[in-house]
């Protein structure tokens, strides 16, 4: 598959795929005319890169992981290094999970709060709403700081 087709399939840009290649995350094959082409295994590798990147795994860590086996002298060395890197990634993902779980909880509570205002005919302004009993616990919802108008 040509690079443009892969980019479209994976909802990314040709430049991103070239970046992955130039930074050593993927290799492309070339036709006799020099055109890059990718096979299914390359596409799956790019999907993993995209997923881990979207989860805030640093590019440097992805590059290290992608090249560990080739840089290792023995299977033992490679497997131990990869296992350590997996541990670091799991730590990052567990930290992210904690943040996500907290955000989900906050949004659910804030949504319940917001639903208490269904049917309200008053202007949704802080000065007006501050007199309403619904807003008594407004400070308990972090996301409301984004929604609520500033002073």
Foldseek 3Di string as FASTA:
>chain_A
DFLCVLCVVVVHDSVVVVVCCVLQQADFDADPVGTTDDDPVRSVSVVVVVVLVVLVDDPVLSNCLSCQVVPDPDPVSSVVVNVVSVVVSVVSNVVVVVVVVVLVVLVVVVVVLVVVCVPPPDDQACVVCVPPPSCPCVVVRPCVVVVHDDD
